[in-house]
Amino acid sequence: MHKNQGIVYTNQARFKVLVAGRRFGKTILALISLLTQALSQQESLKWYLSPSYRQSKMIAWRLLKKLVTPSIKADFNESELSLYLPHNGSIIELKGADNEDSLRGPGLGSKYAKGSLGIAIDEFATIYNNWAVWNEVIRPMLTDNKAGALFIGTPKGKDALFELFLRGQRDEPGWQSWQFKTVDNPYIDPEEVAEAKRAMPERYFRQEYEASFEDYVGLIWPEFTRDHIIKPHYVQQAYNLVGAIDPAVTGTTAALKAAIDEEGNLIVYDELYEANKRVSEACEAIQESDVYWLIDPSSKAKHREKEGDLYSLYDEYRDNGIVAYPAENDVDAGINRVGEYFKQGKIKIFSSCTNLIRELERYHWAELKQAITGEQRAKPYKKDDHLCDCLRYIIMSRPSETELNYVPELSLTSPLYKMQQLRKKRKEFER
């Protein structure tokens, strides 16, 4: 561990809250803390809890197995994600908060080491209903052995993690908290952090790399300016095309089409924005060959009856000639990624897409509600955001740049051929 991890590791507080930027080494600190105590205590039960079982398996389980050196005799149970130490009967179990029922069990910690660590909770801010999970499920399991908890994570607005962090800052009995930036990890190249700062929206950089509890107010994408709007022009047929649909039975059906040029820029060239439009009418309006379509994943819900069978909007679009794939709908990650694209100037929007432009200029955070847990997680204001959702779906598909060199048999007088020649000359000049 580096010295800043050591500050947290050696502290004797019962409840510790570490708020740190990406790649600080939060997860490895949590696992080392659990393992070293399990090795030294009789019949202890330690838990590592993350937002999902899959995350625990893909990240923490691999790290834990690496930490157990050949000199440590341990039995691994792959199906249960548990480690058993035969020399003292201690157990470490990895859990996911996405299955709340699986979290109810025996007391954590050790009856032979009262006050020792019982659980490490990773990315606490992103656990669904985290305040209830902590107070109603986990906290009672620490009572028997007066076990402690280590909360680690990166901020996501001012929510339950912020409330716990403040307990440590106020020096409440048994609580201690720390706040570290990514650069406080000496193993991270500062240039990598500087590059992230150049690419990311400022608010997200402060949150993700400087562990800042950001107030989410105002516009969601203040990076969007009139510089991102361009005059409509001919879109090269060789470009990769991607579209996104935000469907509706009643209300507004929205769709966007975009091309990805040879530099990886996204050119939004067409939109649909119609109220109370039938699926057949929407498909006729947006139908275009070679478009890779994405659709709101909630459209797969079968809640419509047709000829005695339950049907979905997803099915109807497919029946009307548009085969669309469920989009990635991680709202926080999508908002962040779109902001990065705007900041880097990688999104260009035809001025004819007036509804998208209008939404982008008004897309803002909903007013935060006050509660006993502190301010709740920020969410976009859910009105007039249909095309903003479509843009997020497209960006989250990670569109790849078009490789123009693979277009065969071009006319020597075509604009595309001339563009290729200019591109080749530029590469030769750069070499």
Protein backbone atom coordinates (compact mmCIF):
# COMPACT_ATOMS: atom_id res chain seq x y z
CA MET A 1 0.00 0.00 0.00
CA HIS A 2 1.03 3.60 -0.47
CA LYS A 3 1.23 5.90 2.55
CA ASN A 4 -2.21 7.50 2.09
CA GLN A 5 -3.86 4.09 2.08
CA GLY A 6 -1.84 3.37 5.21
CA ILE A 7 -3.34 6.38 6.99
CA VAL A 8 -6.78 4.79 6.67
CA TYR A 9 -5.57 1.23 7.29
CA THR A 10 -3.89 1.98 10.60
CA ASN A 11 -6.64 4.18 12.03
CA GLN A 12 -8.54 2.47 14.87
CA ALA A 13 -11.96 4.11 14.41
CA ARG A 14 -14.87 1.67 14.35
CA PHE A 15 -16.57 3.33 11.36
CA LYS A 16 -14.24 4.65 8.65
CA VAL A 17 -15.31 6.56 5.53
CA LEU A 18 -12.83 6.91 2.68
CA VAL A 19 -13.88 9.22 -0.15
CA ALA A 20 -11.32 9.11 -2.94
CA GLY A 21 -10.90 9.66 -6.66
CA ARG A 22 -10.64 6.98 -9.30
CA ARG A 23 -7.63 4.65 -9.12
CA PHE A 24 -6.68 5.75 -5.62
CA GLY A 25 -6.61 2.10 -4.52
CA LYS A 26 -9.84 1.94 -2.54
CA THR A 27 -10.80 -1.65 -3.33
CA ILE A 28 -7.35 -3.10 -2.68
CA LEU A 29 -7.26 -1.26 0.66
CA ALA A 30 -10.63 -2.76 1.62
CA LEU A 31 -9.55 -6.29 0.74
CA ILE A 32 -6.21 -6.00 2.55
CA SER A 33 -8.05 -4.72 5.62
CA LEU A 34 -10.44 -7.67 5.57
CA LEU A 35 -7.78 -10.30 4.85
CA THR A 36 -5.22 -9.23 7.44
CA GLN A 37 -7.83 -9.17 10.19
CA ALA A 38 -9.32 -12.50 9.10
CA LEU A 39 -5.85 -14.07 9.27
CA SER A 40 -5.31 -12.90 12.84
CA GLN A 41 -8.75 -13.51 14.39
CA GLN A 42 -10.50 -16.69 15.45
CA GLU A 43 -13.76 -17.64 13.74
CA SER A 44 -14.40 -14.23 12.23
CA LEU A 45 -16.85 -13.50 9.44
CA LYS A 46 -15.93 -10.65 7.13
CA TRP A 47 -17.99 -9.29 4.23
CA TYR A 48 -17.04 -7.29 1.17
CA LEU A 49 -20.14 -5.63 -0.32
CA SER A 50 -20.35 -3.83 -3.69
CA PRO A 51 -23.32 -2.49 -5.68
CA SER A 52 -23.71 -5.78 -7.57
CA TYR A 53 -22.73 -9.42 -7.31
CA ARG A 54 -21.19 -9.19 -10.78
CA GLN A 55 -18.95 -6.30 -9.72
CA SER A 56 -17.79 -8.23 -6.66
CA LYS A 57 -16.95 -11.22 -8.82
CA MET A 58 -15.27 -9.39 -11.69
CA ILE A 59 -13.13 -7.03 -9.61
CA ALA A 60 -12.82 -7.88 -5.92
CA TRP A 61 -12.76 -11.68 -6.23
CA ARG A 62 -9.83 -11.60 -8.63
CA LEU A 63 -7.93 -9.19 -6.42
CA LEU A 64 -8.59 -11.22 -3.29
CA LYS A 65 -7.19 -14.39 -4.89
CA LYS A 66 -4.06 -12.49 -5.90
CA LEU A 67 -3.58 -11.27 -2.32
CA VAL A 68 -3.64 -14.80 -0.91
CA THR A 69 -0.02 -15.87 -1.35
CA PRO A 70 1.06 -19.54 -1.54
CA SER A 71 2.16 -19.35 2.10
CA ILE A 72 -1.45 -18.80 3.18
CA LYS A 73 -3.55 -21.94 3.39
CA ALA A 74 -7.01 -21.02 2.18
CA ASP A 75 -9.97 -22.73 0.56
CA PHE A 76 -11.77 -20.80 -2.19
CA ASN A 77 -15.42 -21.43 -3.02
CA GLU A 78 -15.95 -20.05 -6.52
CA SER A 79 -19.71 -20.51 -6.53
CA GLU A 80 -20.20 -18.72 -3.19
CA LEU A 81 -17.39 -16.18 -3.64
CA SER A 82 -16.03 -17.07 -0.22
CA LEU A 83 -12.62 -17.76 1.30
CA TYR A 84 -12.15 -20.07 4.29
CA LEU A 85 -9.03 -20.06 6.47
CA PRO A 86 -8.71 -23.54 8.05
CA HIS A 87 -6.09 -22.50 10.61
CA ASN A 88 -8.53 -20.29 12.54
CA GLY A 89 -11.95 -20.85 10.99
CA SER A 90 -12.31 -17.30 9.61
CA ILE A 91 -14.36 -16.61 6.48
CA ILE A 92 -14.43 -13.77 3.95
CA GLU A 93 -17.52 -13.54 1.74
CA LEU A 94 -18.13 -11.28 -1.24
CA LYS A 95 -21.67 -9.99 -1.69
CA GLY A 96 -23.71 -7.82 -4.06
CA ALA A 97 -26.27 -5.28 -2.87
CA ASP A 98 -28.46 -6.01 -5.90
CA ASN A 99 -29.79 -9.07 -4.05
CA GLU A 100 -30.88 -7.55 -0.75
CA ASP A 101 -32.42 -10.76 0.57
CA SER A 102 -29.03 -12.50 0.44
CA LEU A 103 -27.61 -9.92 2.86
CA ARG A 104 -29.57 -11.05 5.89
CA GLY A 105 -27.42 -13.42 7.91
CA PRO A 106 -25.37 -13.98 11.06
CA GLY A 107 -23.42 -11.36 12.92
CA LEU A 108 -20.28 -10.00 11.30
CA GLY A 109 -16.87 -9.63 12.92
CA SER A 110 -15.51 -11.93 15.62
CA LYS A 111 -16.68 -12.67 19.15
CA TYR A 112 -13.00 -13.06 20.07
CA ALA A 113 -12.08 -9.61 18.73
CA LYS A 114 -14.83 -7.19 19.63
CA GLY A 115 -14.73 -3.96 17.66
CA SER A 116 -12.80 -5.38 14.71
CA LEU A 117 -13.74 -4.80 11.09
CA GLY A 118 -16.87 -6.66 9.99
CA ILE A 119 -17.60 -5.29 6.53
CA ALA A 120 -16.10 -3.17 3.76
CA ILE A 121 -18.70 -1.47 1.55
CA ASP A 122 -17.35 -0.49 -1.86
CA GLU A 123 -18.84 2.35 -3.98
CA PHE A 124 -21.45 3.01 -1.31
CA ALA A 125 -22.81 6.02 -3.22
CA THR A 126 -23.93 3.86 -6.16
CA ILE A 127 -25.69 1.17 -4.11
CA TYR A 128 -29.42 1.31 -4.77
CA ASN A 129 -31.34 2.46 -1.68
CA ASN A 130 -28.01 2.60 0.17
CA TRP A 131 -29.34 4.31 3.29
CA ALA A 132 -31.87 1.51 3.90
CA VAL A 133 -29.30 -1.20 3.10
CA TRP A 134 -26.96 0.25 5.71
CA ASN A 135 -29.43 1.06 8.50
CA GLU A 136 -31.93 -1.77 8.11
CA VAL A 137 -29.74 -4.66 6.94
CA ILE A 138 -26.03 -4.18 7.64
CA ARG A 139 -25.95 -2.10 10.82
CA PRO A 140 -27.88 -4.70 12.94
CA MET A 141 -25.43 -7.40 11.82
CA LEU A 142 -22.57 -5.50 13.48
CA THR A 143 -24.22 -5.32 16.89
CA ASP A 144 -23.38 -8.74 18.40
CA ASN A 145 -19.61 -8.35 18.03
CA LYS A 146 -19.53 -4.52 18.03
CA ALA A 147 -17.95 -4.89 14.61
CA GLY A 148 -16.84 -1.97 12.48
CA ALA A 149 -17.42 -0.91 8.87
CA LEU A 150 -15.24 0.62 6.17
CA PHE A 151 -17.10 2.71 3.59
CA ILE A 152 -15.20 3.47 0.41
CA GLY A 153 -16.21 5.18 -2.81
CA THR A 154 -16.25 8.15 -5.13
CA PRO A 155 -18.92 10.83 -4.57
CA LYS A 156 -22.14 10.92 -6.57
CA GLY A 157 -23.58 14.24 -5.48
CA LYS A 158 -24.44 14.98 -1.86
CA ASP A 159 -26.22 11.84 -0.74
CA ALA A 160 -25.88 9.16 1.96
CA LEU A 161 -22.10 8.88 1.47
CA PHE A 162 -21.84 12.61 2.07
CA GLU A 163 -23.86 12.26 5.27
CA LEU A 164 -21.55 9.49 6.56
CA PHE A 165 -18.49 11.49 5.51
CA LEU A 166 -19.70 14.44 7.59
CA ARG A 167 -19.96 12.21 10.67
CA GLY A 168 -16.26 11.59 10.47
CA GLN A 169 -15.49 15.25 9.83
CA ARG A 170 -17.53 16.22 12.89
CA ASP A 171 -15.52 13.73 14.98
CA GLU A 172 -18.63 11.91 16.11
CA PRO A 173 -17.68 9.07 18.53
CA GLY A 174 -16.43 6.03 16.63
CA TRP A 175 -16.35 7.79 13.24
CA GLN A 176 -13.45 8.99 11.10
CA SER A 177 -13.36 10.11 7.46
CA TRP A 178 -10.83 11.08 4.79
CA GLN A 179 -10.89 12.68 1.36
CA PHE A 180 -8.14 11.95 -1.18
CA LYS A 181 -7.64 12.85 -4.84
CA THR A 182 -6.50 10.45 -7.53
CA VAL A 183 -3.07 12.14 -7.59
CA ASP A 184 -2.67 11.21 -3.91
CA ASN A 185 -1.84 7.74 -5.20
CA PRO A 186 1.89 8.00 -6.02
CA TYR A 187 1.64 5.12 -8.50
CA ILE A 188 -0.63 7.10 -10.84
CA ASP A 189 1.03 9.07 -13.64
CA PRO A 190 0.05 12.75 -13.13
CA GLU A 191 -0.06 13.20 -16.91
CA GLU A 192 -2.90 10.69 -17.10
CA VAL A 193 -4.88 12.79 -14.66
CA ALA A 194 -4.03 15.96 -16.59
CA GLU A 195 -5.28 14.33 -19.80
CA ALA A 196 -8.55 13.38 -18.08
CA LYS A 197 -8.95 16.98 -16.93
CA ARG A 198 -8.54 18.24 -20.48
CA ALA A 199 -11.12 15.76 -21.80
CA MET A 200 -13.79 15.66 -19.10
CA PRO A 201 -16.40 18.23 -18.06
CA GLU A 202 -15.06 20.18 -15.09
CA ARG A 203 -17.76 19.11 -12.65
CA TYR A 204 -17.27 15.43 -13.45
CA PHE A 205 -13.49 15.74 -13.22
CA ARG A 206 -13.77 17.28 -9.76
CA GLN A 207 -16.12 14.51 -8.69
CA GLU A 208 -14.32 11.52 -10.22
CA TYR A 209 -10.67 12.54 -9.79
CA GLU A 210 -10.73 15.03 -6.92
CA ALA A 211 -13.44 13.26 -4.85
CA SER A 212 -15.44 16.47 -4.62
CA PHE A 213 -19.07 16.38 -3.47
CA GLU A 214 -20.56 18.37 -6.31
CA ASP A 215 -23.85 20.26 -6.21
CA TYR A 216 -25.81 19.26 -9.30
CA VAL A 217 -27.59 22.42 -10.28
CA GLY A 218 -28.27 24.18 -13.54
CA LEU A 219 -27.66 22.81 -17.01
CA ILE A 220 -26.58 19.21 -17.40
CA TRP A 221 -24.38 19.94 -20.42
CA PRO A 222 -23.08 23.49 -20.07
CA GLU A 223 -20.32 22.39 -22.49
CA PHE A 224 -22.84 22.57 -25.35
CA THR A 225 -22.47 25.83 -27.27
CA ARG A 226 -23.48 27.24 -30.63
CA ASP A 227 -20.06 26.14 -31.91
CA HIS A 228 -21.41 22.59 -32.00
CA ILE A 229 -24.11 23.59 -34.52
CA ILE A 230 -23.22 23.40 -38.23
CA LYS A 231 -25.00 23.98 -41.51
CA PRO A 232 -26.57 20.89 -43.09
CA HIS A 233 -24.39 19.33 -45.76
CA TYR A 234 -24.02 16.09 -47.69
CA VAL A 235 -23.17 13.18 -45.38
CA GLN A 236 -20.72 10.74 -46.96
CA GLN A 237 -22.38 7.42 -47.69
CA ALA A 238 -19.24 5.63 -46.51
CA TYR A 239 -19.65 6.88 -42.95
CA ASN A 240 -20.93 4.54 -40.25
CA LEU A 241 -24.51 5.49 -39.38
CA VAL A 242 -26.19 5.02 -36.00
CA GLY A 243 -29.66 5.97 -34.84
CA ALA A 244 -31.56 5.99 -31.56
CA ILE A 245 -35.27 5.85 -30.77
CA ASP A 246 -37.13 7.02 -27.68
CA PRO A 247 -40.55 5.50 -28.42
CA ALA A 248 -43.96 6.30 -27.01
CA VAL A 249 -47.49 4.97 -27.41
CA THR A 250 -48.94 8.32 -26.41
CA GLY A 251 -46.84 11.42 -26.11
CA THR A 252 -43.69 12.25 -28.04
CA THR A 253 -41.81 9.73 -30.14
CA ALA A 254 -38.26 10.92 -30.78
CA ALA A 255 -35.39 9.64 -32.90
CA LEU A 256 -31.95 10.80 -33.98
CA LYS A 257 -29.63 9.75 -36.79
CA ALA A 258 -25.91 10.39 -36.72
CA ALA A 259 -22.87 9.66 -38.84
CA ILE A 260 -19.39 8.93 -37.52
CA ASP A 261 -16.63 10.44 -39.63
CA GLU A 262 -13.03 9.28 -40.10
CA GLU A 263 -11.93 11.29 -37.04
CA GLY A 264 -14.51 9.71 -34.74
CA ASN A 265 -16.69 12.83 -34.66
CA LEU A 266 -20.45 12.40 -34.33
CA ILE A 267 -22.50 14.30 -36.91
CA VAL A 268 -26.19 14.45 -35.96
CA TYR A 269 -27.95 15.02 -39.28
CA ASP A 270 -31.63 14.12 -38.79
CA GLU A 271 -34.30 13.99 -36.10
CA LEU A 272 -37.89 12.87 -35.56
CA TYR A 273 -40.02 14.61 -32.94
CA GLU A 274 -43.71 13.78 -33.25
CA ALA A 275 -46.57 13.50 -30.76
CA ASN A 276 -48.97 10.54 -30.76
CA LYS A 277 -47.36 8.91 -33.77
CA ARG A 278 -48.09 5.28 -34.64
CA VAL A 279 -45.13 2.93 -34.81
CA SER A 280 -45.77 2.29 -38.50
CA GLU A 281 -45.73 6.05 -39.16
CA ALA A 282 -42.56 6.57 -37.14
CA CYS A 283 -40.79 3.74 -38.98
CA GLU A 284 -41.80 5.14 -42.35
CA ALA A 285 -40.47 8.57 -41.38
CA ILE A 286 -37.05 7.40 -40.15
CA GLN A 287 -36.43 4.34 -42.35
CA GLU A 288 -32.95 4.46 -43.91
CA SER A 289 -30.60 1.73 -45.02
CA ASP A 290 -27.33 0.97 -43.20
CA VAL A 291 -28.39 2.62 -39.92
CA TYR A 292 -27.50 0.72 -36.75
CA TRP A 293 -30.53 1.37 -34.54
CA LEU A 294 -30.70 1.61 -30.75
CA ILE A 295 -33.87 1.87 -28.69
CA ASP A 296 -34.87 2.64 -25.11
CA PRO A 297 -34.48 -0.74 -23.33
CA SER A 298 -37.78 -0.22 -21.50
CA SER A 299 -39.50 -0.68 -24.88
CA LYS A 300 -39.03 -4.45 -24.51
CA ALA A 301 -41.66 -4.57 -21.74
CA LYS A 302 -44.65 -6.56 -23.00
CA HIS A 303 -47.67 -4.61 -21.80
CA ARG A 304 -49.72 -4.32 -25.01
CA GLU A 305 -52.15 -6.92 -26.27
CA LYS A 306 -52.27 -7.80 -29.94
CA GLU A 307 -54.25 -10.71 -31.34
CA GLY A 308 -54.41 -12.30 -27.89
CA ASP A 309 -50.66 -12.08 -27.24
CA LEU A 310 -48.70 -9.61 -25.14
CA TYR A 311 -46.65 -7.33 -27.32
CA SER A 312 -43.98 -4.65 -26.84
CA LEU A 313 -43.02 -1.48 -28.67
CA TYR A 314 -39.71 -3.19 -29.41
CA ASP A 315 -41.61 -5.97 -31.21
CA GLU A 316 -43.69 -3.47 -33.18
CA TYR A 317 -40.65 -1.59 -34.48
CA ARG A 318 -39.12 -4.89 -35.53
CA ASP A 319 -42.33 -5.89 -37.32
CA ASN A 320 -42.31 -2.56 -39.15
CA GLY A 321 -38.83 -3.00 -40.56
CA ILE A 322 -36.55 -1.40 -37.95
CA VAL A 323 -34.44 -3.89 -36.04
CA ALA A 324 -33.22 -1.93 -33.03
CA TYR A 325 -31.01 -3.08 -30.16
CA PRO A 326 -31.61 -2.16 -26.50
CA ALA A 327 -29.44 0.83 -25.65
CA GLU A 328 -27.10 1.11 -22.67
CA ASN A 329 -29.12 3.15 -20.15
CA ASP A 330 -26.67 4.04 -17.38
CA VAL A 331 -27.81 7.65 -16.98
CA ASP A 332 -24.87 8.94 -14.92
CA ALA A 333 -22.23 7.37 -17.15
CA GLY A 334 -24.08 8.50 -20.27
CA ILE A 335 -24.35 12.10 -19.12
CA ASN A 336 -20.66 12.10 -18.30
CA ARG A 337 -19.64 10.63 -21.67
CA VAL A 338 -21.80 13.05 -23.69
CA GLY A 339 -20.26 15.92 -21.73
CA GLU A 340 -16.79 14.65 -22.64
CA TYR A 341 -17.75 14.55 -26.33
CA PHE A 342 -19.06 18.12 -26.20
CA LYS A 343 -15.95 19.35 -24.41
CA GLN A 344 -13.70 17.75 -27.01
CA GLY A 345 -15.76 19.17 -29.86
CA LYS A 346 -16.62 15.70 -31.12
CA ILE A 347 -20.35 16.35 -31.60
CA LYS A 348 -21.65 18.38 -34.54
CA ILE A 349 -25.38 18.99 -34.96
CA PHE A 350 -27.13 20.10 -38.13
CA SER A 351 -28.95 23.39 -37.56
CA SER A 352 -32.04 21.69 -39.01
CA CYS A 353 -32.27 19.53 -35.83
CA THR A 354 -34.11 22.32 -34.05
CA ASN A 355 -35.82 20.15 -31.41
CA LEU A 356 -32.55 18.58 -30.26
CA ILE A 357 -30.92 22.01 -30.01
CA ARG A 358 -33.87 23.33 -28.02
CA GLU A 359 -33.70 20.39 -25.58
CA LEU A 360 -29.92 20.72 -25.14
CA GLU A 361 -30.28 24.39 -24.24
CA ARG A 362 -32.83 23.53 -21.53
CA TYR A 363 -31.77 20.11 -20.24
CA HIS A 364 -31.17 20.64 -16.51
CA TRP A 365 -30.96 18.94 -13.13
CA ALA A 366 -34.10 18.49 -11.06
CA GLU A 367 -34.25 20.39 -7.78
CA LEU A 368 -32.75 18.28 -4.99
CA LYS A 369 -35.09 17.24 -2.20
CA GLN A 370 -34.09 17.53 1.43
CA ALA A 371 -34.45 14.39 3.58
CA ILE A 372 -33.14 12.94 6.82
CA THR A 373 -30.40 11.25 4.82
CA GLY A 374 -29.22 14.54 3.36
CA GLU A 375 -29.78 15.57 -0.24
CA GLN A 376 -30.77 12.73 -2.55
CA ARG A 377 -28.89 11.78 -5.71
CA ALA A 378 -29.30 14.30 -8.50
CA LYS A 379 -31.44 13.33 -11.48
CA PRO A 380 -32.22 15.08 -14.77
CA TYR A 381 -35.52 16.95 -14.88
CA LYS A 382 -37.80 14.55 -16.75
CA LYS A 383 -39.44 16.81 -19.26
CA ASP A 384 -38.52 17.64 -22.87
CA ASP A 385 -35.56 15.26 -22.77
CA HIS A 386 -36.51 12.71 -25.45
CA LEU A 387 -33.80 13.64 -27.95
CA CYS A 388 -31.25 14.14 -25.17
CA ASP A 389 -31.90 10.52 -24.21
CA CYS A 390 -31.39 9.49 -27.85
CA LEU A 391 -28.06 11.34 -27.96
CA ARG A 392 -26.99 9.58 -24.76
CA TYR A 393 -27.93 6.18 -26.23
CA ILE A 394 -25.79 6.86 -29.30
CA ILE A 395 -22.75 8.03 -27.36
CA MET A 396 -22.98 5.08 -24.94
CA SER A 397 -22.81 2.70 -27.91
CA ARG A 398 -19.18 3.88 -28.24
CA PRO A 399 -19.38 4.64 -31.96
CA SER A 400 -16.13 3.91 -33.77
CA GLU A 401 -14.59 6.07 -36.43
CA THR A 402 -15.22 5.19 -40.06
CA GLU A 403 -12.25 3.64 -41.85
CA LEU A 404 -12.53 5.16 -45.30
CA ASN A 405 -9.65 3.16 -46.74
CA TYR A 406 -11.89 0.12 -46.95
CA VAL A 407 -14.33 1.71 -49.44
CA PRO A 408 -13.63 -0.01 -52.81
CA GLU A 409 -13.73 1.23 -56.41
CA LEU A 410 -14.21 4.93 -55.84
CA SER A 411 -14.52 7.29 -58.77
CA LEU A 412 -11.35 9.36 -59.16
CA THR A 413 -13.51 12.48 -59.32
CA SER A 414 -15.68 11.72 -56.28
CA PRO A 415 -15.43 13.90 -53.14
CA LEU A 416 -14.74 10.77 -51.07
CA TYR A 417 -11.75 9.77 -53.23
CA LYS A 418 -10.33 13.29 -52.97
CA MET A 419 -10.79 13.19 -49.20
CA GLN A 420 -8.89 9.91 -49.04
CA GLN A 421 -5.99 11.39 -50.98
CA LEU A 422 -5.82 14.42 -48.69
CA ARG A 423 -5.89 12.09 -45.68
CA LYS A 424 -2.99 10.03 -47.07
CA LYS A 425 -0.95 13.16 -47.74
CA ARG A 426 -1.56 14.39 -44.23
CA LYS A 427 -0.36 11.08 -42.76
CA GLU A 428 2.75 11.16 -44.92
CA PHE A 429 3.43 14.73 -43.80
CA GLU A 430 2.99 13.78 -40.13
CA ARG A 431 5.48 10.90 -40.57
